[in-house]
C-alpha atoms as a PDB file:
ATOM      1  CA  UNK A   1     144.583  32.339  -4.154  1.00  0.00           C
ATOM      2  CA  UNK A   2     142.823  31.801  -6.927  1.00  0.00           C
ATOM      3  CA  UNK A   3     144.660  33.052 -10.296  1.00  0.00           C
ATOM      4  CA  UNK A   4     142.343  35.883 -12.171  1.00  0.00           C
ATOM      5  CA  UNK A   5     142.077  33.116 -15.013  1.00  0.00           C
ATOM      6  CA  UNK A   6     140.646  30.248 -12.505  1.00  0.00           C
ATOM      7  CA  UNK A   7     138.631  32.482 -10.815  1.00  0.00           C
ATOM      8  CA  UNK A   8     137.126  33.568 -14.306  1.00  0.00           C
ATOM      9  CA  UNK A   9     136.798  30.041 -14.662  1.00  0.00           C
ATOM     10  CA  UNK A  10     134.962  29.185 -11.303  1.00  0.00           C
ATOM     11  CA  UNK A  11     132.679  32.651 -12.687  1.00  0.00           C
ATOM     12  CA  UNK A  12     131.978  30.339 -16.098  1.00  0.00           C
ATOM     13  CA  UNK A  13     130.987  28.389 -14.611  1.00  0.00           C
ATOM     14  CA  UNK A  14     128.568  29.354 -12.120  1.00  0.00           C
ATOM     15  CA  UNK A  15     127.114  31.553 -14.915  1.00  0.00           C
ATOM     16  CA  UNK A  16     126.262  28.224 -17.275  1.00  0.00           C
ATOM     17  CA  UNK A  17     124.288  26.264 -14.200  1.00  0.00           C
ATOM     18  CA  UNK A  18     121.992  28.951 -13.698  1.00  0.00           C
ATOM     19  CA  UNK A  19     118.875  28.014 -14.944  1.00  0.00           C
ATOM     20  CA  UNK A  20     115.753  30.544 -16.679  1.00  0.00           C
ATOM     21  CA  UNK A  21     112.986  27.951 -15.762  1.00  0.00           C
ATOM     22  CA  UNK A  22     109.753  30.654 -15.646  1.00  0.00           C
ATOM     23  CA  UNK A  23     107.601  31.298 -18.288  1.00  0.00           C
ATOM     24  CA  UNK A  24     107.406  33.158 -21.033  1.00  0.00           C
ATOM     25  CA  UNK A  25     110.582  31.876 -22.461  1.00  0.00           C
ATOM     26  CA  UNK A  26     111.327  33.901 -24.813  1.00  0.00           C
ATOM     27  CA  UNK A  27     111.862  37.014 -22.118  1.00  0.00           C
ATOM     28  CA  UNK A  28     114.755  34.418 -20.411  1.00  0.00           C
ATOM     29  CA  UNK A  29     116.185  33.694 -23.655  1.00  0.00           C
ATOM     30  CA  UNK A  30     118.096  37.144 -24.669  1.00  0.00           C
ATOM     31  CA  UNK A  31     118.996  37.002 -21.091  1.00  0.00           C
ATOM     32  CA  UNK A  32     120.482  33.237 -21.251  1.00  0.00           C
ATOM     33  CA  UNK A  33     122.671  35.200 -24.834  1.00  0.00           C
ATOM     34  CA  UNK A  34     123.743  37.644 -23.314  1.00  0.00           C
ATOM     35  CA  UNK A  35     124.979  36.158 -20.184  1.00  0.00           C
ATOM     36  CA  UNK A  36     126.613  32.714 -21.882  1.00  0.00           C
ATOM     37  CA  UNK A  37     128.879  35.030 -23.903  1.00  0.00           C
ATOM     38  CA  UNK A  38     131.782  34.655 -21.820  1.00  0.00           C
ATOM     39  CA  UNK A  39     134.968  37.227 -21.959  1.00  0.00           C
ATOM     40  CA  UNK A  40     136.900  38.257 -18.631  1.00  0.00           C
ATOM     41  CA  UNK A  41     134.165  38.666 -16.719  1.00  0.00           C
ATOM     42  CA  UNK A  42     135.662  41.999 -15.811  1.00  0.00           C
ATOM     43  CA  UNK A  43     133.209  42.523 -12.906  1.00  0.00           C
ATOM     44  CA  UNK A  44     132.869  39.672 -11.402  1.00  0.00           C
ATOM     45  CA  UNK A  45     136.516  38.474 -11.226  1.00  0.00           C
ATOM     46  CA  UNK A  46     137.797  42.009  -9.204  1.00  0.00           C
ATOM     47  CA  UNK A  47     134.724  40.650  -6.807  1.00  0.00           C
ATOM     48  CA  UNK A  48     136.223  37.342  -6.516  1.00  0.00           C
ATOM     49  CA  UNK A  49     139.906  38.439  -6.257  1.00  0.00           C
ATOM     50  CA  UNK A  50     138.794  41.021  -3.710  1.00  0.00           C
ATOM     51  CA  UNK A  51     137.060  38.576  -1.497  1.00  0.00           C
ATOM     52  CA  UNK A  52     139.966  36.079  -2.334  1.00  0.00           C
ATOM     53  CA  UNK A  53     142.823  38.745  -0.436  1.00  0.00           C
ATOM     54  CA  UNK A  54     141.702  38.275   2.688  1.00  0.00           C
ATOM     55  CA  UNK A  55     139.811  34.607   2.794  1.00  0.00           C
ATOM     56  CA  UNK A  56     140.788  31.397   1.382  1.00  0.00           C
ATOM     57  CA  UNK A  57     137.180  30.044  -0.945  1.00  0.00           C
ATOM     58  CA  UNK A  58     135.756  32.213  -2.951  1.00  0.00           C
ATOM     59  CA  UNK A  59     133.047  29.576  -4.116  1.00  0.00           C
ATOM     60  CA  UNK A  60     130.220  31.564  -1.531  1.00  0.00           C
ATOM     61  CA  UNK A  61     130.886  34.689  -2.504  1.00  0.00           C
ATOM     62  CA  UNK A  62     129.551  33.702  -6.117  1.00  0.00           C
ATOM     63  CA  UNK A  63     126.484  34.991  -6.214  1.00  0.00           C
ATOM     64  CA  UNK A  64     126.676  38.405  -5.473  1.00  0.00           C
ATOM     65  CA  UNK A  65     129.733  38.236  -7.426  1.00  0.00           C
ATOM     66  CA  UNK A  66     127.284  37.407 -10.692  1.00  0.00           C
ATOM     67  CA  UNK A  67     124.741  39.905  -9.691  1.00  0.00           C
ATOM     68  CA  UNK A  68     127.932  42.563 -10.892  1.00  0.00           C
ATOM     69  CA  UNK A  69     127.981  40.572 -14.390  1.00  0.00           C
ATOM     70  CA  UNK A  70     123.895  40.612 -14.792  1.00  0.00           C
ATOM     71  CA  UNK A  71     123.858  43.999 -13.601  1.00  0.00           C
ATOM     72  CA  UNK A  72     126.708  45.350 -16.166  1.00  0.00           C
ATOM     73  CA  UNK A  73     124.813  43.287 -18.681  1.00  0.00           C
ATOM     74  CA  UNK A  74     122.154  44.873 -18.443  1.00  0.00           C
ATOM     75  CA  UNK A  75     123.586  47.954 -18.890  1.00  0.00           C
ATOM     76  CA  UNK A  76     125.047  47.017 -22.086  1.00  0.00           C
ATOM     77  CA  UNK A  77     121.876  45.452 -23.667  1.00  0.00           C
ATOM     78  CA  UNK A  78     120.409  48.825 -22.703  1.00  0.00           C
ATOM     79  CA  UNK A  79     122.809  50.913 -24.454  1.00  0.00           C
ATOM     80  CA  UNK A  80     123.322  49.045 -27.163  1.00  0.00           C
ATOM     81  CA  UNK A  81     119.759  49.911 -27.893  1.00  0.00           C
ATOM     82  CA  UNK A  82     120.475  53.738 -27.557  1.00  0.00           C
ATOM     83  CA  UNK A  83     123.455  53.270 -29.996  1.00  0.00           C
ATOM     84  CA  UNK A  84     121.511  51.652 -32.585  1.00  0.00           C
ATOM     85  CA  UNK A  85     124.393  49.030 -32.279  1.00  0.00           C
ATOM     86  CA  UNK A  86     124.212  45.906 -34.459  1.00  0.00           C
ATOM     87  CA  UNK A  87     127.596  43.850 -32.936  1.00  0.00           C
ATOM     88  CA  UNK A  88     128.358  42.858 -29.873  1.00  0.00           C
ATOM     89  CA  UNK A  89     131.813  40.942 -28.899  1.00  0.00           C
ATOM     90  CA  UNK A  90     131.244  39.642 -32.380  1.00  0.00           C
ATOM     91  CA  UNK A  91     128.031  39.126 -32.894  1.00  0.00           C
ATOM     92  CA  UNK A  92     124.602  40.016 -32.625  1.00  0.00           C
ATOM     93  CA  UNK A  93     123.319  42.807 -30.357  1.00  0.00           C
ATOM     94  CA  UNK A  94     119.987  41.722 -28.610  1.00  0.00           C
ATOM     95  CA  UNK A  95     118.329  44.661 -29.983  1.00  0.00           C
ATOM     96  CA  UNK A  96     119.707  43.373 -33.521  1.00  0.00           C
ATOM     97  CA  UNK A  97     118.775  39.846 -32.860  1.00  0.00           C
ATOM     98  CA  UNK A  98     115.244  40.022 -30.879  1.00  0.00           C
ATOM     99  CA  UNK A  99     114.422  43.855 -31.381  1.00  0.00           C
ATOM    100  CA  UNK A 100     114.236  47.065 -29.390  1.00  0.00           C
ATOM    101  CA  UNK A 101     111.033  45.501 -27.474  1.00  0.00           C
ATOM    102  CA  UNK A 102     112.572  42.313 -26.229  1.00  0.00           C
ATOM    103  CA  UNK A 103     115.940  43.897 -25.454  1.00  0.00           C
ATOM    104  CA  UNK A 104     114.525  46.439 -23.399  1.00  0.00           C
ATOM    105  CA  UNK A 105     112.487  44.257 -21.150  1.00  0.00           C
ATOM    106  CA  UNK A 106     114.907  41.444 -21.091  1.00  0.00           C
ATOM    107  CA  UNK A 107     116.760  44.384 -20.046  1.00  0.00           C
ATOM    108  CA  UNK A 108     114.458  45.389 -16.842  1.00  0.00           C
ATOM    109  CA  UNK A 109     114.374  41.725 -15.981  1.00  0.00           C
ATOM    110  CA  UNK A 110     117.997  41.421 -15.985  1.00  0.00           C
ATOM    111  CA  UNK A 111     118.230  43.956 -13.289  1.00  0.00           C
ATOM    112  CA  UNK A 112     115.658  42.469 -11.178  1.00  0.00           C
ATOM    113  CA  UNK A 113     117.400  39.495 -11.613  1.00  0.00           C
ATOM    114  CA  UNK A 114     121.250  41.409 -10.289  1.00  0.00           C
ATOM    115  CA  UNK A 115     119.251  42.312  -6.809  1.00  0.00           C
ATOM    116  CA  UNK A 116     118.022  38.662  -6.840  1.00  0.00           C
ATOM    117  CA  UNK A 117     121.315  37.245  -6.771  1.00  0.00           C
ATOM    118  CA  UNK A 118     123.226  39.796  -4.523  1.00  0.00           C
ATOM    119  CA  UNK A 119     121.093  39.415  -2.221  1.00  0.00           C
ATOM    120  CA  UNK A 120     122.840  36.219  -1.278  1.00  0.00           C
ATOM    121  CA  UNK A 121     124.628  38.180   0.847  1.00  0.00           C
ATOM    122  CA  UNK A 122     125.074  37.587   4.755  1.00  0.00           C
ATOM    123  CA  UNK A 123     121.865  39.818   6.826  1.00  0.00           C
ATOM    124  CA  UNK A 124     124.536  41.486   8.697  1.00  0.00           C
ATOM    125  CA  UNK A 125     126.417  42.741   5.746  1.00  0.00           C
ATOM    126  CA  UNK A 126     123.478  43.329   3.833  1.00  0.00           C
ATOM    127  CA  UNK A 127     122.141  47.146   4.141  1.00  0.00           C
ATOM    128  CA  UNK A 128     125.918  48.888   3.819  1.00  0.00           C
ATOM    129  CA  UNK A 129     126.841  46.661   0.479  1.00  0.00           C
ATOM    130  CA  UNK A 130     123.555  46.916  -0.823  1.00  0.00           C
ATOM    131  CA  UNK A 131     123.607  50.719  -0.266  1.00  0.00           C
ATOM    132  CA  UNK A 132     126.905  50.910  -1.879  1.00  0.00           C
ATOM    133  CA  UNK A 133     125.002  48.483  -5.044  1.00  0.00           C
ATOM    134  CA  UNK A 134     122.523  50.814  -5.320  1.00  0.00           C
ATOM    135  CA  UNK A 135     124.426  54.266  -4.945  1.00  0.00           C
ATOM    136  CA  UNK A 136     126.956  52.572  -8.109  1.00  0.00           C
ATOM    137  CA  UNK A 137     123.606  51.786  -9.801  1.00  0.00           C
ATOM    138  CA  UNK A 138     122.203  55.740  -9.846  1.00  0.00           C
ATOM    139  CA  UNK A 139     126.120  56.657 -10.872  1.00  0.00           C
ATOM    140  CA  UNK A 140     126.458  54.578 -13.942  1.00  0.00           C
ATOM    141  CA  UNK A 141     122.688  56.051 -14.882  1.00  0.00           C
ATOM    142  CA  UNK A 142     124.260  59.398 -14.306  1.00  0.00           C
ATOM    143  CA  UNK A 143     126.538  58.662 -16.376  1.00  0.00           C
ATOM    144  CA  UNK A 144     124.698  57.548 -19.485  1.00  0.00           C
ATOM    145  CA  UNK A 145     122.593  60.542 -19.152  1.00  0.00           C
ATOM    146  CA  UNK A 146     126.435  62.768 -19.680  1.00  0.00           C
ATOM    147  CA  UNK A 147     126.966  60.762 -22.564  1.00  0.00           C
ATOM    148  CA  UNK A 148     124.054  61.163 -24.098  1.00  0.00           C
ATOM    149  CA  UNK A 149     124.042  65.096 -23.271  1.00  0.00           C
ATOM    150  CA  UNK A 150     127.862  65.586 -24.941  1.00  0.00           C
ATOM    151  CA  UNK A 151     126.294  63.790 -28.436  1.00  0.00           C
ATOM    152  CA  UNK A 152     125.323  67.247 -29.183  1.00  0.00           C
ATOM    153  CA  UNK A 153     127.894  69.719 -27.642  1.00  0.00           C
ATOM    154  CA  UNK A 154     131.017  70.422 -29.294  1.00  0.00           C
ATOM    155  CA  UNK A 155     132.444  72.065 -26.882  1.00  0.00           C
ATOM    156  CA  UNK A 156     132.744  68.991 -24.366  1.00  0.00           C
ATOM    157  CA  UNK A 157     135.884  69.828 -22.158  1.00  0.00           C
ATOM    158  CA  UNK A 158     138.393  66.771 -20.687  1.00  0.00           C
ATOM    159  CA  UNK A 159     137.397  67.058 -17.560  1.00  0.00           C
ATOM    160  CA  UNK A 160     133.758  66.169 -18.726  1.00  0.00           C
ATOM    161  CA  UNK A 161     134.197  63.509 -20.087  1.00  0.00           C
ATOM    162  CA  UNK A 162     136.597  62.151 -17.137  1.00  0.00           C
ATOM    163  CA  UNK A 163     133.951  62.235 -15.079  1.00  0.00           C
ATOM    164  CA  UNK A 164     131.448  60.898 -17.257  1.00  0.00           C
ATOM    165  CA  UNK A 165     133.577  58.182 -17.820  1.00  0.00           C
ATOM    166  CA  UNK A 166     134.264  57.323 -13.825  1.00  0.00           C
ATOM    167  CA  UNK A 167     130.625  57.399 -13.535  1.00  0.00           C
ATOM    168  CA  UNK A 168     129.765  55.569 -16.211  1.00  0.00           C
ATOM    169  CA  UNK A 169     132.616  53.076 -16.417  1.00  0.00           C
ATOM    170  CA  UNK A 170     135.103  52.990 -13.650  1.00  0.00           C
ATOM    171  CA  UNK A 171     132.180  53.103 -10.163  1.00  0.00           C
ATOM    172  CA  UNK A 172     130.938  49.739 -10.894  1.00  0.00           C
ATOM    173  CA  UNK A 173     134.759  48.610 -11.417  1.00  0.00           C
ATOM    174  CA  UNK A 174     135.474  50.602  -7.908  1.00  0.00           C
ATOM    175  CA  UNK A 175     131.981  48.998  -6.459  1.00  0.00           C
ATOM    176  CA  UNK A 176     133.457  45.243  -7.201  1.00  0.00           C
ATOM    177  CA  UNK A 177     136.644  45.373  -5.650  1.00  0.00           C
ATOM    178  CA  UNK A 178     135.507  47.544  -2.704  1.00  0.00           C
ATOM    179  CA  UNK A 179     131.708  44.772  -2.371  1.00  0.00           C
ATOM    180  CA  UNK A 180     134.494  41.780  -2.420  1.00  0.00           C
ATOM    181  CA  UNK A 181     136.445  43.429   0.104  1.00  0.00           C
ATOM    182  CA  UNK A 182     133.152  44.325   2.248  1.00  0.00           C
ATOM    183  CA  UNK A 183     131.625  40.618   2.178  1.00  0.00           C
ATOM    184  CA  UNK A 184     135.332  39.172   3.447  1.00  0.00           C
ATOM    185  CA  UNK A 185     135.337  41.809   6.077  1.00  0.00           C
ATOM    186  CA  UNK A 186     138.455  43.888   4.843  1.00  0.00           C
ATOM    187  CA  UNK A 187     139.953  46.511   6.694  1.00  0.00           C
ATOM    188  CA  UNK A 188     137.997  49.977   6.043  1.00  0.00           C
ATOM    189  CA  UNK A 189     141.343  51.521   5.047  1.00  0.00           C
ATOM    190  CA  UNK A 190     142.155  48.820   2.413  1.00  0.00           C
ATOM    191  CA  UNK A 191     138.242  49.342   0.825  1.00  0.00           C
ATOM    192  CA  UNK A 192     139.180  52.841   0.495  1.00  0.00           C
ATOM    193  CA  UNK A 193     142.116  52.018  -1.545  1.00  0.00           C
ATOM    194  CA  UNK A 194     140.944  49.235  -3.379  1.00  0.00           C
ATOM    195  CA  UNK A 195     137.855  51.472  -4.333  1.00  0.00           C
ATOM    196  CA  UNK A 196     140.279  53.959  -5.578  1.00  0.00           C
ATOM    197  CA  UNK A 197     142.139  51.656  -7.018  1.00  0.00           C
ATOM    198  CA  UNK A 198     139.812  50.170  -9.448  1.00  0.00           C
ATOM    199  CA  UNK A 199     138.379  53.694 -10.243  1.00  0.00           C
ATOM    200  CA  UNK A 200     141.465  54.673 -11.618  1.00  0.00           C
ATOM    201  CA  UNK A 201     142.170  51.071 -13.868  1.00  0.00           C
ATOM    202  CA  UNK A 202     138.171  52.396 -14.714  1.00  0.00           C
ATOM    203  CA  UNK A 203     139.307  55.542 -16.294  1.00  0.00           C
ATOM    204  CA  UNK A 204     142.006  53.801 -17.822  1.00  0.00           C
ATOM    205  CA  UNK A 205     139.765  50.594 -19.246  1.00  0.00           C
ATOM    206  CA  UNK A 206     138.519  53.697 -20.982  1.00  0.00           C
ATOM    207  CA  UNK A 207     140.211  55.374 -22.164  1.00  0.00           C
ATOM    208  CA  UNK A 208     142.094  52.095 -24.115  1.00  0.00           C
ATOM    209  CA  UNK A 209     138.496  51.472 -25.061  1.00  0.00           C
ATOM    210  CA  UNK A 210     139.129  54.910 -27.200  1.00  0.00           C
ATOM    211  CA  UNK A 211     141.896  53.710 -28.607  1.00  0.00           C
ATOM    212  CA  UNK A 212     140.848  50.551 -29.352  1.00  0.00           C
ATOM    213  CA  UNK A 213     137.775  51.629 -31.286  1.00  0.00           C
ATOM    214  CA  UNK A 214     139.670  53.475 -33.641  1.00  0.00           C
ATOM    215  CA  UNK A 215     143.513  51.566 -33.789  1.00  0.00           C
ATOM    216  CA  UNK A 216     142.211  47.786 -33.401  1.00  0.00           C
ATOM    217  CA  UNK A 217     142.551  44.604 -34.902  1.00  0.00           C
ATOM    218  CA  UNK A 218     138.656  44.407 -34.957  1.00  0.00           C
ATOM    219  CA  UNK A 219     138.053  40.496 -35.689  1.00  0.00           C
ATOM    220  CA  UNK A 220     140.400  41.103 -31.769  1.00  0.00           C
ATOM    221  CA  UNK A 221     138.284  43.488 -30.772  1.00  0.00           C
ATOM    222  CA  UNK A 222     134.703  41.806 -31.229  1.00  0.00           C
ATOM    223  CA  UNK A 223     132.584  45.268 -32.753  1.00  0.00           C
ATOM    224  CA  UNK A 224     133.523  47.078 -35.931  1.00  0.00           C
ATOM    225  CA  UNK A 225     136.412  49.585 -35.521  1.00  0.00           C
ATOM    226  CA  UNK A 226     135.313  53.202 -36.318  1.00  0.00           C
ATOM    227  CA  UNK A 227     131.940  53.309 -34.471  1.00  0.00           C
ATOM    228  CA  UNK A 228     132.583  55.967 -32.362  1.00  0.00           C
ATOM    229  CA  UNK A 229     133.742  58.135 -35.110  1.00  0.00           C
ATOM    230  CA  UNK A 230     130.676  57.552 -37.254  1.00  0.00           C
ATOM    231  CA  UNK A 231     128.636  58.618 -34.340  1.00  0.00           C
ATOM    232  CA  UNK A 232     130.274  61.435 -33.252  1.00  0.00           C
ATOM    233  CA  UNK A 233     130.899  60.113 -29.930  1.00  0.00           C
ATOM    234  CA  UNK A 234     132.965  62.699 -27.579  1.00  0.00           C
ATOM    235  CA  UNK A 235     135.674  60.210 -26.607  1.00  0.00           C
ATOM    236  CA  UNK A 236     139.167  61.082 -25.380  1.00  0.00           C
ATOM    237  CA  UNK A 237     140.670  61.072 -29.005  1.00  0.00           C
ATOM    238  CA  UNK A 238     138.309  63.670 -30.204  1.00  0.00           C
ATOM    239  CA  UNK A 239     138.135  65.754 -27.537  1.00  0.00           C
ATOM    240  CA  UNK A 240     142.245  66.298 -27.819  1.00  0.00           C
ATOM    241  CA  UNK A 241     142.097  66.575 -30.860  1.00  0.00           C
ATOM    242  CA  UNK A 242     139.845  69.417 -31.221  1.00  0.00           C
ATOM    243  CA  UNK A 243     141.842  71.093 -28.672  1.00  0.00           C
ATOM    244  CA  UNK A 244     144.846  70.457 -30.745  1.00  0.00           C
ATOM    245  CA  UNK A 245     143.617  71.660 -33.909  1.00  0.00           C
ATOM    246  CA  UNK A 246     144.435  74.635 -36.372  1.00  0.00           C
ATOM    247  CA  UNK A 247     141.113  76.872 -36.934  1.00  0.00           C
ATOM    248  CA  UNK A 248     141.022  74.928 -40.517  1.00  0.00           C
ATOM    249  CA  UNK A 249     141.536  71.258 -38.615  1.00  0.00           C
ATOM    250  CA  UNK A 250     138.781  71.980 -36.546  1.00  0.00           C
ATOM    251  CA  UNK A 251     136.168  73.011 -39.377  1.00  0.00           C
ATOM    252  CA  UNK A 252     137.370  69.921 -41.105  1.00  0.00           C
ATOM    253  CA  UNK A 253     136.517  67.862 -38.337  1.00  0.00           C
ATOM    254  CA  UNK A 254     133.289  69.669 -37.996  1.00  0.00           C
ATOM    255  CA  UNK A 255     132.202  69.436 -41.102  1.00  0.00           C
ATOM    256  CA  UNK A 256     132.594  65.926 -40.753  1.00  0.00           C
ATOM    257  CA  UNK A 257     130.468  65.856 -37.538  1.00  0.00           C
ATOM    258  CA  UNK A 258     127.721  67.774 -39.458  1.00  0.00           C
ATOM    259  CA  UNK A 259     127.491  65.491 -42.423  1.00  0.00           C
ATOM    260  CA  UNK A 260     123.961  63.440 -41.876  1.00  0.00           C
ATOM    261  CA  UNK A 261     124.839  60.689 -44.917  1.00  0.00           C
ATOM    262  CA  UNK A 262     128.558  59.790 -45.604  1.00  0.00           C
ATOM    263  CA  UNK A 263     130.853  57.147 -46.004  1.00  0.00           C
ATOM    264  CA  UNK A 264     131.575  55.325 -42.849  1.00  0.00           C
ATOM    265  CA  UNK A 265     135.285  54.202 -43.994  1.00  0.00           C
ATOM    266  CA  UNK A 266     135.529  57.499 -45.272  1.00  0.00           C
ATOM    267  CA  UNK A 267     134.819  59.883 -42.037  1.00  0.00           C
ATOM    268  CA  UNK A 268     136.702  56.815 -40.078  1.00  0.00           C
ATOM    269  CA  UNK A 269     139.853  57.577 -42.616  1.00  0.00           C
ATOM    270  CA  UNK A 270     139.893  61.132 -41.959  1.00  0.00           C
ATOM    271  CA  UNK A 271     139.446  61.182 -38.082  1.00  0.00           C
ATOM    272  CA  UNK A 272     142.344  58.219 -37.529  1.00  0.00           C
ATOM    273  CA  UNK A 273     144.558  60.576 -40.141  1.00  0.00           C
ATOM    274  CA  UNK A 274     143.842  63.491 -37.673  1.00  0.00           C
ATOM    275  CA  UNK A 275     144.595  61.407 -35.236  1.00  0.00           C
ATOM    276  CA  UNK A 276     147.813  60.381 -36.414  1.00  0.00           C
ATOM    277  CA  UNK A 277     148.863  64.097 -37.573  1.00  0.00           C
ATOM    278  CA  UNK A 278     147.863  65.765 -33.972  1.00  0.00           C
ATOM    279  CA  UNK A 279     149.640  62.665 -32.004  1.00  0.00           C
ATOM    280  CA  UNK A 280     146.297  61.911 -30.611  1.00  0.00           C
ATOM    281  CA  UNK A 281     147.161  58.360 -29.912  1.00  0.00           C
ATOM    282  CA  UNK A 282     150.533  59.101 -27.822  1.00  0.00           C
ATOM    283  CA  UNK A 283     149.084  61.646 -25.866  1.00  0.00           C
ATOM    284  CA  UNK A 284     146.395  58.664 -24.950  1.00  0.00           C
ATOM    285  CA  UNK A 285     148.463  56.300 -24.285  1.00  0.00           C
ATOM    286  CA  UNK A 286     150.748  58.738 -21.924  1.00  0.00           C
ATOM    287  CA  UNK A 287     147.811  59.022 -19.635  1.00  0.00           C
ATOM    288  CA  UNK A 288     146.983  55.382 -19.586  1.00  0.00           C
ATOM    289  CA  UNK A 289     150.272  54.895 -18.576  1.00  0.00           C
ATOM    290  CA  UNK A 290     150.243  57.786 -15.742  1.00  0.00           C
ATOM    291  CA  UNK A 291     147.001  56.552 -14.657  1.00  0.00           C
ATOM    292  CA  UNK A 292     148.166  52.902 -14.430  1.00  0.00           C
ATOM    293  CA  UNK A 293     151.217  54.098 -12.209  1.00  0.00           C
ATOM    294  CA  UNK A 294     148.236  55.946  -9.245  1.00  0.00           C
ATOM    295  CA  UNK A 295     146.283  52.269  -9.738  1.00  0.00           C
ATOM    296  CA  UNK A 296     150.447  50.931  -8.847  1.00  0.00           C
ATOM    297  CA  UNK A 297     149.888  53.274  -5.778  1.00  0.00           C
ATOM    298  CA  UNK A 298     146.671  52.129  -4.104  1.00  0.00           C
ATOM    299  CA  UNK A 299     146.918  48.668  -4.472  1.00  0.00           C
ATOM    300  CA  UNK A 300     150.706  49.337  -2.765  1.00  0.00           C
ATOM    301  CA  UNK A 301     148.731  50.027   0.539  1.00  0.00           C
ATOM    302  CA  UNK A 302     146.152  47.746   0.592  1.00  0.00           C
ATOM    303  CA  UNK A 303     147.868  45.581   3.899  1.00  0.00           C
ATOM    304  CA  UNK A 304     147.519  42.323   2.495  1.00  0.00           C
ATOM    305  CA  UNK A 305     150.740  40.475   1.057  1.00  0.00           C
ATOM    306  CA  UNK A 306     152.661  40.804  -2.094  1.00  0.00           C
ATOM    307  CA  UNK A 307     152.312  37.538  -3.344  1.00  0.00           C
ATOM    308  CA  UNK A 308     148.428  37.753  -3.015  1.00  0.00           C
ATOM    309  CA  UNK A 309     148.148  40.919  -4.725  1.00  0.00           C
ATOM    310  CA  UNK A 310     150.046  39.902  -7.473  1.00  0.00           C
ATOM    311  CA  UNK A 311     147.478  37.623  -9.137  1.00  0.00           C
ATOM    312  CA  UNK A 312     145.091  41.393  -9.148  1.00  0.00           C
ATOM    313  CA  UNK A 313     147.561  43.507 -10.396  1.00  0.00           C
ATOM    314  CA  UNK A 314     148.305  40.438 -13.169  1.00  0.00           C
ATOM    315  CA  UNK A 315     144.709  40.749 -14.594  1.00  0.00           C
ATOM    316  CA  UNK A 316     144.602  45.000 -14.376  1.00  0.00           C
ATOM    317  CA  UNK A 317     147.854  44.245 -16.778  1.00  0.00           C
ATOM    318  CA  UNK A 318     146.083  42.078 -19.161  1.00  0.00           C
ATOM    319  CA  UNK A 319     143.198  44.400 -19.092  1.00  0.00           C
ATOM    320  CA  UNK A 320     145.420  47.599 -20.086  1.00  0.00           C
ATOM    321  CA  UNK A 321     147.286  45.068 -22.664  1.00  0.00           C
ATOM    322  CA  UNK A 322     144.741  44.342 -24.657  1.00  0.00           C
ATOM    323  CA  UNK A 323     145.255  44.081 -28.794  1.00  0.00           C
ATOM    324  CA  UNK A 324     145.576  46.884 -30.314  1.00  0.00           C
END
């Protein structure tokens, strides 16, 4: 059984060897730039670790695993255009470095490459796996549209937000696990539990991301702290604070959210203090812990020896214990 670090290293080595020799070179430079920014490679690692629960050699599964990473990064390039983001993973975003037009076109090409990589699976497994991959891609688009729609609302309910992050974030983690299991020939019941495990972990992962945007060390986080606050992004923290606030506190928050011109540091400080006053951080942390307990229940139902599941659980722990 590979450790998650070994699995990540395999993914990085594979990506480093990918060649984009087509012309025009300026189309592929942003793609190489984006894929070369190695991190934990969450989605391909989940794919390969699920595969490794049932098959010993994961190298034959690298192409479809990297398809998940390529697809994910395509969504990030386009997200950064929509969010006007200048920094990701501590480096300039593609739109900041090359402009919006290049970001859109290179992102589109990454989507095509993701499908090309994904096609490297046996013909008998391709239809079912491709159906799940494509449905997941559509759900992520649904989630992004909900997220955009929330920007102009101040009445977003907690259940609406949780459904949005399930679609935008969780389903790709869930699909990565299930697709890895499908490629390895896992039993149907295991596939459903792997999917539920990833889906639940994805919600916890996004709630943790909401926390990090406010409370993380900016150098470790890789992007500016308080970005969600500055653009009035509806996060679990903001929605919870608005539900708990007194009429006076709610009026103050709405006043800040209505400002078109403001000092960013002052706005971030205001909302951080409001979250601290209302105990929002603690509520979010408790919700994450509850979701993590559900993850344990789902993975316990997967019918492979516990020692094989230990590495997958270690990876999940590493994701949900990032530095705040």
